[in-house]
Amino acid sequence: MLKNKECERDSFQMNYQSASGSCDTANCMPPCPPPCDCMCPPVCECPQNQVCHRVINYTVPHIMPYHTTVVNHHVYNHTYTPVYSYSEVDEVENIYQNRCCK
């Protein structure tokens, strides 16, 4: 808010004339209306400051890029199937008893 440090109301000089002629400021003292047909000169008041607040809305678009990465997990489940083999061994023994030949 701006404020004047000094009001220069008294140093403001203007010449006003009424419809009946020149107005003598000595005969027209505030408060108005004066006792004569003269018009009083306007009183210069100190400026009043008026603050008007405005709200201005803005739309700001944001672009949000998304990237999708697909991770493929290859899982190998190893199973073991036993394969049996079979073998036979034949053992032969020769037993000779009471042999008389030499």
PDB file of N, CA and C in Angstrom:
ATOM      1  N   MET A   1       0.832  -1.157   0.000  1.00  0.00           N
ATOM      2  CA  MET A   1       0.000   0.000   0.000  1.00  0.00           C
ATOM      3  C   MET A   1       0.889   1.237   0.000  1.00  0.00           C
ATOM      4  N   LEU A   2       0.585   2.179  -0.855  1.00  0.00           N
ATOM      5  CA  LEU A   2       1.367   3.400  -0.926  1.00  0.00           C
ATOM      6  C   LEU A   2       0.707   4.479  -0.077  1.00  0.00           C
ATOM      7  N   LYS A   3       1.504   5.164   0.683  1.00  0.00           N
ATOM      8  CA  LYS A   3       0.985   6.266   1.493  1.00  0.00           C
ATOM      9  C   LYS A   3       1.818   7.503   1.204  1.00  0.00           C
ATOM     10  N   ASN A   4       1.142   8.611   1.062  1.00  0.00           N
ATOM     11  CA  ASN A   4       1.873   9.856   0.906  1.00  0.00           C
ATOM     12  C   ASN A   4       2.421  10.274   2.259  1.00  0.00           C
ATOM     13  N   LYS A   5       3.649  10.742   2.262  1.00  0.00           N
ATOM     14  CA  LYS A   5       4.245  11.187   3.514  1.00  0.00           C
ATOM     15  C   LYS A   5       3.639  12.510   3.970  1.00  0.00           C
ATOM     16  N   GLU A   6       3.278  13.330   2.999  1.00  0.00           N
ATOM     17  CA  GLU A   6       2.730  14.640   3.353  1.00  0.00           C
ATOM     18  C   GLU A   6       1.600  14.977   2.403  1.00  0.00           C
ATOM     19  N   CYS A   7       0.531  15.371   2.931  1.00  0.00           N
ATOM     20  CA  CYS A   7      -0.599  15.753   2.096  1.00  0.00           C
ATOM     21  C   CYS A   7      -0.447  17.230   1.746  1.00  0.00           C
ATOM     22  N   GLU A   8      -0.439  17.514   0.466  1.00  0.00           N
ATOM     23  CA  GLU A   8      -0.257  18.900   0.054  1.00  0.00           C
ATOM     24  C   GLU A   8      -1.592  19.534  -0.274  1.00  0.00           C
ATOM     25  N   ARG A   9      -2.550  19.317   0.554  1.00  0.00           N
ATOM     26  CA  ARG A   9      -3.886  19.841   0.347  1.00  0.00           C
ATOM     27  C   ARG A   9      -3.895  21.370   0.383  1.00  0.00           C
ATOM     28  N   ASP A  10      -3.137  21.968   1.276  1.00  0.00           N
ATOM     29  CA  ASP A  10      -3.193  23.422   1.459  1.00  0.00           C
ATOM     30  C   ASP A  10      -2.440  24.177   0.379  1.00  0.00           C
ATOM     31  N   SER A  11      -1.459  23.538  -0.256  1.00  0.00           N
ATOM     32  CA  SER A  11      -0.682  24.252  -1.264  1.00  0.00           C
ATOM     33  C   SER A  11      -1.297  24.125  -2.651  1.00  0.00           C
ATOM     34  N   PHE A  12      -2.417  23.447  -2.768  1.00  0.00           N
ATOM     35  CA  PHE A  12      -3.078  23.264  -4.046  1.00  0.00           C
ATOM     36  C   PHE A  12      -3.906  24.512  -4.352  1.00  0.00           C
ATOM     37  N   GLN A  13      -3.589  25.227  -5.441  1.00  0.00           N
ATOM     38  CA  GLN A  13      -4.273  26.468  -5.796  1.00  0.00           C
ATOM     39  C   GLN A  13      -4.980  26.297  -7.137  1.00  0.00           C
ATOM     40  N   MET A  14      -6.262  26.629  -7.158  1.00  0.00           N
ATOM     41  CA  MET A  14      -7.012  26.616  -8.405  1.00  0.00           C
ATOM     42  C   MET A  14      -7.941  27.820  -8.410  1.00  0.00           C
ATOM     43  N   ASN A  15      -8.233  28.328  -9.568  1.00  0.00           N
ATOM     44  CA  ASN A  15      -9.160  29.437  -9.713  1.00  0.00           C
ATOM     45  C   ASN A  15     -10.496  28.909 -10.193  1.00  0.00           C
ATOM     46  N   TYR A  16     -11.519  29.128  -9.413  1.00  0.00           N
ATOM     47  CA  TYR A  16     -12.872  28.687  -9.757  1.00  0.00           C
ATOM     48  C   TYR A  16     -13.777  29.903  -9.854  1.00  0.00           C
ATOM     49  N   GLN A  17     -14.708  29.823 -10.728  1.00  0.00           N
ATOM     50  CA  GLN A  17     -15.690  30.889 -10.862  1.00  0.00           C
ATOM     51  C   GLN A  17     -17.077  30.269 -10.787  1.00  0.00           C
ATOM     52  N   SER A  18     -17.926  30.973 -10.133  1.00  0.00           N
ATOM     53  CA  SER A  18     -19.316  30.511 -10.073  1.00  0.00           C
ATOM     54  C   SER A  18     -20.088  31.163 -11.196  1.00  0.00           C
ATOM     55  N   ALA A  19     -21.344  30.842 -11.305  1.00  0.00           N
ATOM     56  CA  ALA A  19     -22.175  31.431 -12.355  1.00  0.00           C
ATOM     57  C   ALA A  19     -22.363  32.920 -12.144  1.00  0.00           C
ATOM     58  N   SER A  20     -22.252  33.375 -10.893  1.00  0.00           N
ATOM     59  CA  SER A  20     -22.459  34.804 -10.629  1.00  0.00           C
ATOM     60  C   SER A  20     -21.166  35.588 -10.675  1.00  0.00           C
ATOM     61  N   GLY A  21     -20.035  34.947 -10.903  1.00  0.00           N
ATOM     62  CA  GLY A  21     -18.782  35.683 -10.978  1.00  0.00           C
ATOM     63  C   GLY A  21     -17.702  35.008 -10.160  1.00  0.00           C
ATOM     64  N   SER A  22     -16.655  35.753  -9.887  1.00  0.00           N
ATOM     65  CA  SER A  22     -15.498  35.230  -9.180  1.00  0.00           C
ATOM     66  C   SER A  22     -15.846  34.961  -7.729  1.00  0.00           C
ATOM     67  N   CYS A  23     -15.219  33.922  -7.192  1.00  0.00           N
ATOM     68  CA  CYS A  23     -15.491  33.522  -5.814  1.00  0.00           C
ATOM     69  C   CYS A  23     -14.306  33.916  -4.958  1.00  0.00           C
ATOM     70  N   ASP A  24     -14.585  34.520  -3.873  1.00  0.00           N
ATOM     71  CA  ASP A  24     -13.542  34.908  -2.931  1.00  0.00           C
ATOM     72  C   ASP A  24     -13.408  33.776  -1.927  1.00  0.00           C
ATOM     73  N   THR A  25     -12.224  33.190  -1.847  1.00  0.00           N
ATOM     74  CA  THR A  25     -12.033  32.045  -0.967  1.00  0.00           C
ATOM     75  C   THR A  25     -12.077  32.445   0.500  1.00  0.00           C
ATOM     76  N   ALA A  26     -11.883  33.706   0.811  1.00  0.00           N
ATOM     77  CA  ALA A  26     -11.954  34.134   2.203  1.00  0.00           C
ATOM     78  C   ALA A  26     -13.392  34.102   2.700  1.00  0.00           C
ATOM     79  N   ASN A  27     -14.375  34.375   1.805  1.00  0.00           N
ATOM     80  CA  ASN A  27     -15.774  34.340   2.190  1.00  0.00           C
ATOM     81  C   ASN A  27     -16.365  32.931   2.143  1.00  0.00           C
ATOM     82  N   CYS A  28     -15.704  32.027   1.417  1.00  0.00           N
ATOM     83  CA  CYS A  28     -16.196  30.650   1.296  1.00  0.00           C
ATOM     84  C   CYS A  28     -15.301  29.738   2.110  1.00  0.00           C
ATOM     85  N   MET A  29     -15.551  29.622   3.337  1.00  0.00           N
ATOM     86  CA  MET A  29     -14.753  28.751   4.200  1.00  0.00           C
ATOM     87  C   MET A  29     -15.531  27.464   4.409  1.00  0.00           C
ATOM     88  N   PRO A  30     -14.864  26.359   4.464  1.00  0.00           N
ATOM     89  CA  PRO A  30     -15.578  25.124   4.772  1.00  0.00           C
ATOM     90  C   PRO A  30     -16.210  25.252   6.128  1.00  0.00           C
ATOM     91  N   PRO A  31     -17.273  24.692   6.479  1.00  0.00           N
ATOM     92  CA  PRO A  31     -18.006  23.723   5.675  1.00  0.00           C
ATOM     93  C   PRO A  31     -18.901  24.414   4.663  1.00  0.00           C
ATOM     94  N   CYS A  32     -19.099  23.721   3.554  1.00  0.00           N
ATOM     95  CA  CYS A  32     -20.013  24.171   2.514  1.00  0.00           C
ATOM     96  C   CYS A  32     -21.408  23.727   2.880  1.00  0.00           C
ATOM     97  N   PRO A  33     -22.439  24.278   2.422  1.00  0.00           N
ATOM     98  CA  PRO A  33     -22.542  25.414   1.510  1.00  0.00           C
ATOM     99  C   PRO A  33     -22.224  26.733   2.213  1.00  0.00           C
ATOM    100  N   PRO A  34     -21.598  27.626   1.492  1.00  0.00           N
ATOM    101  CA  PRO A  34     -21.257  28.925   2.076  1.00  0.00           C
ATOM    102  C   PRO A  34     -22.503  29.818   2.157  1.00  0.00           C
ATOM    103  N   PRO A  35     -22.422  30.854   2.969  1.00  0.00           N
ATOM    104  CA  PRO A  35     -23.558  31.757   3.080  1.00  0.00           C
ATOM    105  C   PRO A  35     -23.795  32.598   1.835  1.00  0.00           C
ATOM    106  N   CYS A  36     -22.812  32.664   0.923  1.00  0.00           N
ATOM    107  CA  CYS A  36     -22.992  33.471  -0.291  1.00  0.00           C
ATOM    108  C   CYS A  36     -23.362  32.585  -1.464  1.00  0.00           C
ATOM    109  N   ASP A  37     -23.523  33.183  -2.638  1.00  0.00           N
ATOM    110  CA  ASP A  37     -23.852  32.432  -3.847  1.00  0.00           C
ATOM    111  C   ASP A  37     -22.607  31.839  -4.501  1.00  0.00           C
ATOM    112  N   CYS A  38     -21.477  32.005  -3.890  1.00  0.00           N
ATOM    113  CA  CYS A  38     -20.219  31.511  -4.484  1.00  0.00           C
ATOM    114  C   CYS A  38     -20.066  30.011  -4.274  1.00  0.00           C
ATOM    115  N   MET A  39     -19.282  29.446  -5.136  1.00  0.00           N
ATOM    116  CA  MET A  39     -18.963  28.034  -4.997  1.00  0.00           C
ATOM    117  C   MET A  39     -17.593  27.919  -4.354  1.00  0.00           C
ATOM    118  N   CYS A  40     -17.483  27.064  -3.393  1.00  0.00           N
ATOM    119  CA  CYS A  40     -16.193  26.859  -2.725  1.00  0.00           C
ATOM    120  C   CYS A  40     -15.253  26.109  -3.657  1.00  0.00           C
ATOM    121  N   PRO A  41     -13.991  26.389  -3.570  1.00  0.00           N
ATOM    122  CA  PRO A  41     -13.035  25.604  -4.350  1.00  0.00           C
ATOM    123  C   PRO A  41     -12.989  24.169  -3.796  1.00  0.00           C
ATOM    124  N   PRO A  42     -12.718  23.242  -4.625  1.00  0.00           N
ATOM    125  CA  PRO A  42     -12.677  21.861  -4.144  1.00  0.00           C
ATOM    126  C   PRO A  42     -11.517  21.646  -3.179  1.00  0.00           C
ATOM    127  N   VAL A  43     -11.728  20.780  -2.252  1.00  0.00           N
ATOM    128  CA  VAL A  43     -10.682  20.438  -1.290  1.00  0.00           C
ATOM    129  C   VAL A  43      -9.929  19.252  -1.850  1.00  0.00           C
ATOM    130  N   CYS A  44      -8.640  19.414  -1.983  1.00  0.00           N
ATOM    131  CA  CYS A  44      -7.808  18.327  -2.515  1.00  0.00           C
ATOM    132  C   CYS A  44      -7.435  17.395  -1.366  1.00  0.00           C
ATOM    133  N   GLU A  45      -7.952  16.227  -1.412  1.00  0.00           N
ATOM    134  CA  GLU A  45      -7.682  15.248  -0.368  1.00  0.00           C
ATOM    135  C   GLU A  45      -6.425  14.454  -0.703  1.00  0.00           C
ATOM    136  N   CYS A  46      -5.873  13.855   0.304  1.00  0.00           N
ATOM    137  CA  CYS A  46      -4.745  12.946   0.080  1.00  0.00           C
ATOM    138  C   CYS A  46      -5.250  11.717  -0.682  1.00  0.00           C
ATOM    139  N   PRO A  47      -4.467  11.221  -1.582  1.00  0.00           N
ATOM    140  CA  PRO A  47      -4.921  10.068  -2.357  1.00  0.00           C
ATOM    141  C   PRO A  47      -5.132   8.839  -1.472  1.00  0.00           C
ATOM    142  N   GLN A  48      -6.168   8.113  -1.775  1.00  0.00           N
ATOM    143  CA  GLN A  48      -6.455   6.861  -1.087  1.00  0.00           C
ATOM    144  C   GLN A  48      -5.999   5.722  -1.996  1.00  0.00           C
ATOM    145  N   ASN A  49      -5.387   4.760  -1.395  1.00  0.00           N
ATOM    146  CA  ASN A  49      -4.920   3.617  -2.176  1.00  0.00           C
ATOM    147  C   ASN A  49      -5.908   2.478  -2.014  1.00  0.00           C
ATOM    148  N   GLN A  50      -6.358   1.950  -3.118  1.00  0.00           N
ATOM    149  CA  GLN A  50      -7.263   0.820  -3.104  1.00  0.00           C
ATOM    150  C   GLN A  50      -6.551  -0.354  -3.748  1.00  0.00           C
ATOM    151  N   VAL A  51      -6.549  -1.481  -3.069  1.00  0.00           N
ATOM    152  CA  VAL A  51      -5.857  -2.666  -3.565  1.00  0.00           C
ATOM    153  C   VAL A  51      -6.899  -3.653  -4.065  1.00  0.00           C
ATOM    154  N   CYS A  52      -6.734  -4.061  -5.290  1.00  0.00           N
ATOM    155  CA  CYS A  52      -7.629  -5.039  -5.885  1.00  0.00           C
ATOM    156  C   CYS A  52      -6.815  -6.292  -6.164  1.00  0.00           C
ATOM    157  N   HIS A  53      -7.164  -7.392  -5.499  1.00  0.00           N
ATOM    158  CA  HIS A  53      -6.447  -8.651  -5.697  1.00  0.00           C
ATOM    159  C   HIS A  53      -7.165  -9.453  -6.771  1.00  0.00           C
ATOM    160  N   ARG A  54      -6.392  -9.924  -7.727  1.00  0.00           N
ATOM    161  CA  ARG A  54      -6.941 -10.766  -8.771  1.00  0.00           C
ATOM    162  C   ARG A  54      -6.211 -12.095  -8.742  1.00  0.00           C
ATOM    163  N   VAL A  55      -6.936 -13.146  -8.971  1.00  0.00           N
ATOM    164  CA  VAL A  55      -6.350 -14.479  -9.048  1.00  0.00           C
ATOM    165  C   VAL A  55      -6.464 -14.932 -10.493  1.00  0.00           C
ATOM    166  N   ILE A  56      -5.332 -15.235 -11.067  1.00  0.00           N
ATOM    167  CA  ILE A  56      -5.291 -15.678 -12.456  1.00  0.00           C
ATOM    168  C   ILE A  56      -4.800 -17.117 -12.454  1.00  0.00           C
ATOM    169  N   ASN A  57      -5.638 -18.027 -12.932  1.00  0.00           N
ATOM    170  CA  ASN A  57      -5.291 -19.438 -12.952  1.00  0.00           C
ATOM    171  C   ASN A  57      -4.689 -19.816 -14.295  1.00  0.00           C
ATOM    172  N   TYR A  58      -3.671 -20.624 -14.249  1.00  0.00           N
ATOM    173  CA  TYR A  58      -3.012 -21.109 -15.443  1.00  0.00           C
ATOM    174  C   TYR A  58      -3.063 -22.624 -15.458  1.00  0.00           C
ATOM    175  N   THR A  59      -3.217 -23.184 -16.637  1.00  0.00           N
ATOM    176  CA  THR A  59      -3.138 -24.624 -16.800  1.00  0.00           C
ATOM    177  C   THR A  59      -1.804 -24.940 -17.444  1.00  0.00           C
ATOM    178  N   VAL A  60      -1.023 -25.752 -16.756  1.00  0.00           N
ATOM    179  CA  VAL A  60       0.294 -26.133 -17.257  1.00  0.00           C
ATOM    180  C   VAL A  60       0.257 -27.634 -17.552  1.00  0.00           C
ATOM    181  N   PRO A  61       0.231 -28.019 -18.817  1.00  0.00           N
ATOM    182  CA  PRO A  61       0.209 -29.454 -19.117  1.00  0.00           C
ATOM    183  C   PRO A  61       1.592 -30.070 -18.906  1.00  0.00           C
ATOM    184  N   HIS A  62       1.588 -31.223 -18.283  1.00  0.00           N
ATOM    185  CA  HIS A  62       2.831 -31.963 -18.072  1.00  0.00           C
ATOM    186  C   HIS A  62       2.742 -33.267 -18.851  1.00  0.00           C
ATOM    187  N   ILE A  63       3.795 -33.582 -19.554  1.00  0.00           N
ATOM    188  CA  ILE A  63       3.842 -34.830 -20.304  1.00  0.00           C
ATOM    189  C   ILE A  63       4.696 -35.795 -19.500  1.00  0.00           C
ATOM    190  N   MET A  64       4.103 -36.918 -19.139  1.00  0.00           N
ATOM    191  CA  MET A  64       4.792 -37.912 -18.334  1.00  0.00           C
ATOM    192  C   MET A  64       5.018 -39.157 -19.195  1.00  0.00           C
ATOM    193  N   PRO A  65       6.176 -39.287 -19.825  1.00  0.00           N
ATOM    194  CA  PRO A  65       6.400 -40.483 -20.637  1.00  0.00           C
ATOM    195  C   PRO A  65       6.673 -41.701 -19.740  1.00  0.00           C
ATOM    196  N   TYR A  66       6.058 -42.796 -20.099  1.00  0.00           N
ATOM    197  CA  TYR A  66       6.279 -44.054 -19.390  1.00  0.00           C
ATOM    198  C   TYR A  66       6.842 -45.064 -20.384  1.00  0.00           C
ATOM    199  N   HIS A  67       7.807 -45.805 -19.938  1.00  0.00           N
ATOM    200  CA  HIS A  67       8.379 -46.864 -20.748  1.00  0.00           C
ATOM    201  C   HIS A  67       8.230 -48.168 -19.980  1.00  0.00           C
ATOM    202  N   THR A  68       7.766 -49.193 -20.658  1.00  0.00           N
ATOM    203  CA  THR A  68       7.595 -50.496 -20.026  1.00  0.00           C
ATOM    204  C   THR A  68       8.613 -51.459 -20.599  1.00  0.00           C
ATOM    205  N   THR A  69       9.351 -52.087 -19.729  1.00  0.00           N
ATOM    206  CA  THR A  69      10.301 -53.113 -20.126  1.00  0.00           C
ATOM    207  C   THR A  69       9.776 -54.449 -19.632  1.00  0.00           C
ATOM    208  N   VAL A  70       9.660 -55.402 -20.552  1.00  0.00           N
ATOM    209  CA  VAL A  70       9.215 -56.738 -20.182  1.00  0.00           C
ATOM    210  C   VAL A  70      10.444 -57.617 -20.026  1.00  0.00           C
ATOM    211  N   VAL A  71      10.595 -58.200 -18.865  1.00  0.00           N
ATOM    212  CA  VAL A  71      11.716 -59.093 -18.596  1.00  0.00           C
ATOM    213  C   VAL A  71      11.173 -60.513 -18.634  1.00  0.00           C
ATOM    214  N   ASN A  72      11.639 -61.300 -19.591  1.00  0.00           N
ATOM    215  CA  ASN A  72      11.218 -62.691 -19.718  1.00  0.00           C
ATOM    216  C   ASN A  72      12.215 -63.566 -18.969  1.00  0.00           C
ATOM    217  N   HIS A  73      11.738 -64.246 -17.973  1.00  0.00           N
ATOM    218  CA  HIS A  73      12.575 -65.158 -17.193  1.00  0.00           C
ATOM    219  C   HIS A  73      12.344 -66.573 -17.721  1.00  0.00           C
ATOM    220  N   HIS A  74      13.385 -67.156 -18.265  1.00  0.00           N
ATOM    221  CA  HIS A  74      13.300 -68.530 -18.774  1.00  0.00           C
ATOM    222  C   HIS A  74      13.847 -69.451 -17.696  1.00  0.00           C
ATOM    223  N   VAL A  75      12.984 -70.255 -17.146  1.00  0.00           N
ATOM    224  CA  VAL A  75      13.373 -71.163 -16.071  1.00  0.00           C
ATOM    225  C   VAL A  75      13.339 -72.585 -16.625  1.00  0.00           C
ATOM    226  N   TYR A  76      14.465 -73.265 -16.558  1.00  0.00           N
ATOM    227  CA  TYR A  76      14.556 -74.646 -17.020  1.00  0.00           C
ATOM    228  C   TYR A  76      14.524 -75.552 -15.801  1.00  0.00           C
ATOM    229  N   ASN A  77      13.489 -76.347 -15.701  1.00  0.00           N
ATOM    230  CA  ASN A  77      13.387 -77.329 -14.625  1.00  0.00           C
ATOM    231  C   ASN A  77      13.955 -78.650 -15.152  1.00  0.00           C
ATOM    232  N   HIS A  78      15.021 -79.066 -14.559  1.00  0.00           N
ATOM    233  CA  HIS A  78      15.696 -80.291 -14.992  1.00  0.00           C
ATOM    234  C   HIS A  78      15.144 -81.453 -14.184  1.00  0.00           C
ATOM    235  N   THR A  79      14.704 -82.448 -14.879  1.00  0.00           N
ATOM    236  CA  THR A  79      14.245 -83.681 -14.223  1.00  0.00           C
ATOM    237  C   THR A  79      15.179 -84.808 -14.650  1.00  0.00           C
ATOM    238  N   TYR A  80      15.329 -85.734 -13.779  1.00  0.00           N
ATOM    239  CA  TYR A  80      16.215 -86.863 -14.047  1.00  0.00           C
ATOM    240  C   TYR A  80      15.393 -88.141 -14.033  1.00  0.00           C
ATOM    241  N   THR A  81      15.468 -88.844 -15.105  1.00  0.00           N
ATOM    242  CA  THR A  81      14.824 -90.149 -15.211  1.00  0.00           C
ATOM    243  C   THR A  81      15.931 -91.196 -15.277  1.00  0.00           C
ATOM    244  N   PRO A  82      15.983 -92.047 -14.287  1.00  0.00           N
ATOM    245  CA  PRO A  82      17.065 -93.057 -14.339  1.00  0.00           C
ATOM    246  C   PRO A  82      16.777 -94.112 -15.422  1.00  0.00           C
ATOM    247  N   VAL A  83      17.792 -94.473 -16.090  1.00  0.00           N
ATOM    248  CA  VAL A  83      17.716 -95.540 -17.093  1.00  0.00           C
ATOM    249  C   VAL A  83      18.560 -96.694 -16.533  1.00  0.00           C
ATOM    250  N   TYR A  84      17.871 -97.763 -16.272  1.00  0.00           N
ATOM    251  CA  TYR A  84      18.568 -98.901 -15.672  1.00  0.00           C
ATOM    252  C   TYR A  84      19.057 -99.836 -16.770  1.00  0.00           C
ATOM    253  N   SER A  85      20.199-100.305 -16.520  1.00  0.00           N
ATOM    254  CA  SER A  85      20.726-101.375 -17.381  1.00  0.00           C
ATOM    255  C   SER A  85      20.953-102.621 -16.509  1.00  0.00           C
ATOM    256  N   TYR A  86      21.025-103.720 -17.178  1.00  0.00           N
ATOM    257  CA  TYR A  86      21.143-104.986 -16.443  1.00  0.00           C
ATOM    258  C   TYR A  86      22.217-105.828 -17.120  1.00  0.00           C
ATOM    259  N   SER A  87      23.014-106.366 -16.305  1.00  0.00           N
ATOM    260  CA  SER A  87      24.021-107.279 -16.855  1.00  0.00           C
ATOM    261  C   SER A  87      24.087-108.547 -15.998  1.00  0.00           C
ATOM    262  N   GLU A  88      24.481-109.620 -16.655  1.00  0.00           N
ATOM    263  CA  GLU A  88      24.637-110.912 -15.967  1.00  0.00           C
ATOM    264  C   GLU A  88      26.028-111.449 -16.236  1.00  0.00           C
ATOM    265  N   VAL A  89      26.505-112.005 -15.246  1.00  0.00           N
ATOM    266  CA  VAL A  89      27.821-112.629 -15.361  1.00  0.00           C
ATOM    267  C   VAL A  89      27.641-114.107 -14.960  1.00  0.00           C
ATOM    268  N   ASP A  90      28.085-114.951 -15.795  1.00  0.00           N
ATOM    269  CA  ASP A  90      28.048-116.401 -15.488  1.00  0.00           C
ATOM    270  C   ASP A  90      29.445-116.841 -15.068  1.00  0.00           C
ATOM    271  N   GLU A  91      29.487-117.412 -13.961  1.00  0.00           N
ATOM    272  CA  GLU A  91      30.768-117.952 -13.493  1.00  0.00           C
ATOM    273  C   GLU A  91      30.689-119.494 -13.573  1.00  0.00           C
ATOM    274  N   VAL A  92      31.698-119.979 -14.081  1.00  0.00           N
ATOM    275  CA  VAL A  92      31.739-121.448 -14.243  1.00  0.00           C
ATOM    276  C   VAL A  92      32.878-121.977 -13.370  1.00  0.00           C
ATOM    277  N   GLU A  93      32.566-123.034 -12.677  1.00  0.00           N
ATOM    278  CA  GLU A  93      33.592-123.689 -11.850  1.00  0.00           C
ATOM    279  C   GLU A  93      33.648-125.180 -12.251  1.00  0.00           C
ATOM    280  N   ASN A  94      34.793-125.628 -12.342  1.00  0.00           N
ATOM    281  CA  ASN A  94      34.981-127.053 -12.619  1.00  0.00           C
ATOM    282  C   ASN A  94      35.586-127.719 -11.374  1.00  0.00           C
ATOM    283  N   ILE A  95      34.899-128.626 -10.906  1.00  0.00           N
ATOM    284  CA  ILE A  95      35.373-129.311  -9.720  1.00  0.00           C
ATOM    285  C   ILE A  95      35.559-130.800 -10.091  1.00  0.00           C
ATOM    286  N   TYR A  96      36.722-131.204  -9.831  1.00  0.00           N
ATOM    287  CA  TYR A  96      37.033-132.605 -10.119  1.00  0.00           C
ATOM    288  C   TYR A  96      37.356-133.282  -8.812  1.00  0.00           C
ATOM    289  N   GLN A  97      36.673-134.324  -8.530  1.00  0.00           N
ATOM    290  CA  GLN A  97      36.921-135.022  -7.280  1.00  0.00           C
ATOM    291  C   GLN A  97      37.434-136.463  -7.571  1.00  0.00           C
ATOM    292  N   ASN A  98      38.206-136.920  -6.774  1.00  0.00           N
ATOM    293  CA  ASN A  98      38.757-138.258  -6.776  1.00  0.00           C
ATOM    294  C   ASN A  98      39.214-138.701  -8.180  1.00  0.00           C
ATOM    295  N   ARG A  99      40.015-138.030  -8.572  1.00  0.00           N
ATOM    296  CA  ARG A  99      40.552-138.354  -9.871  1.00  0.00           C
ATOM    297  C   ARG A  99      41.644-139.417  -9.721  1.00  0.00           C
ATOM    298  N   CYS A 100      41.570-140.286 -10.475  1.00  0.00           N
ATOM    299  CA  CYS A 100      42.565-141.320 -10.310  1.00  0.00           C
ATOM    300  C   CYS A 100      43.683-141.208 -11.324  1.00  0.00           C
ATOM    301  N   CYS A 101      43.571-140.502 -12.170  1.00  0.00           N
ATOM    302  CA  CYS A 101      44.630-140.353 -13.176  1.00  0.00           C
ATOM    303  C   CYS A 101      45.586-139.257 -12.733  1.00  0.00           C
ATOM    304  N   LYS A 102      46.735-139.641 -13.080  1.00  0.00           N
ATOM    305  CA  LYS A 102      47.721-138.625 -12.755  1.00  0.00           C
ATOM    306  C   LYS A 102      48.422-138.212 -13.953  1.00  0.00           C
TER     307      LYS A 102
END
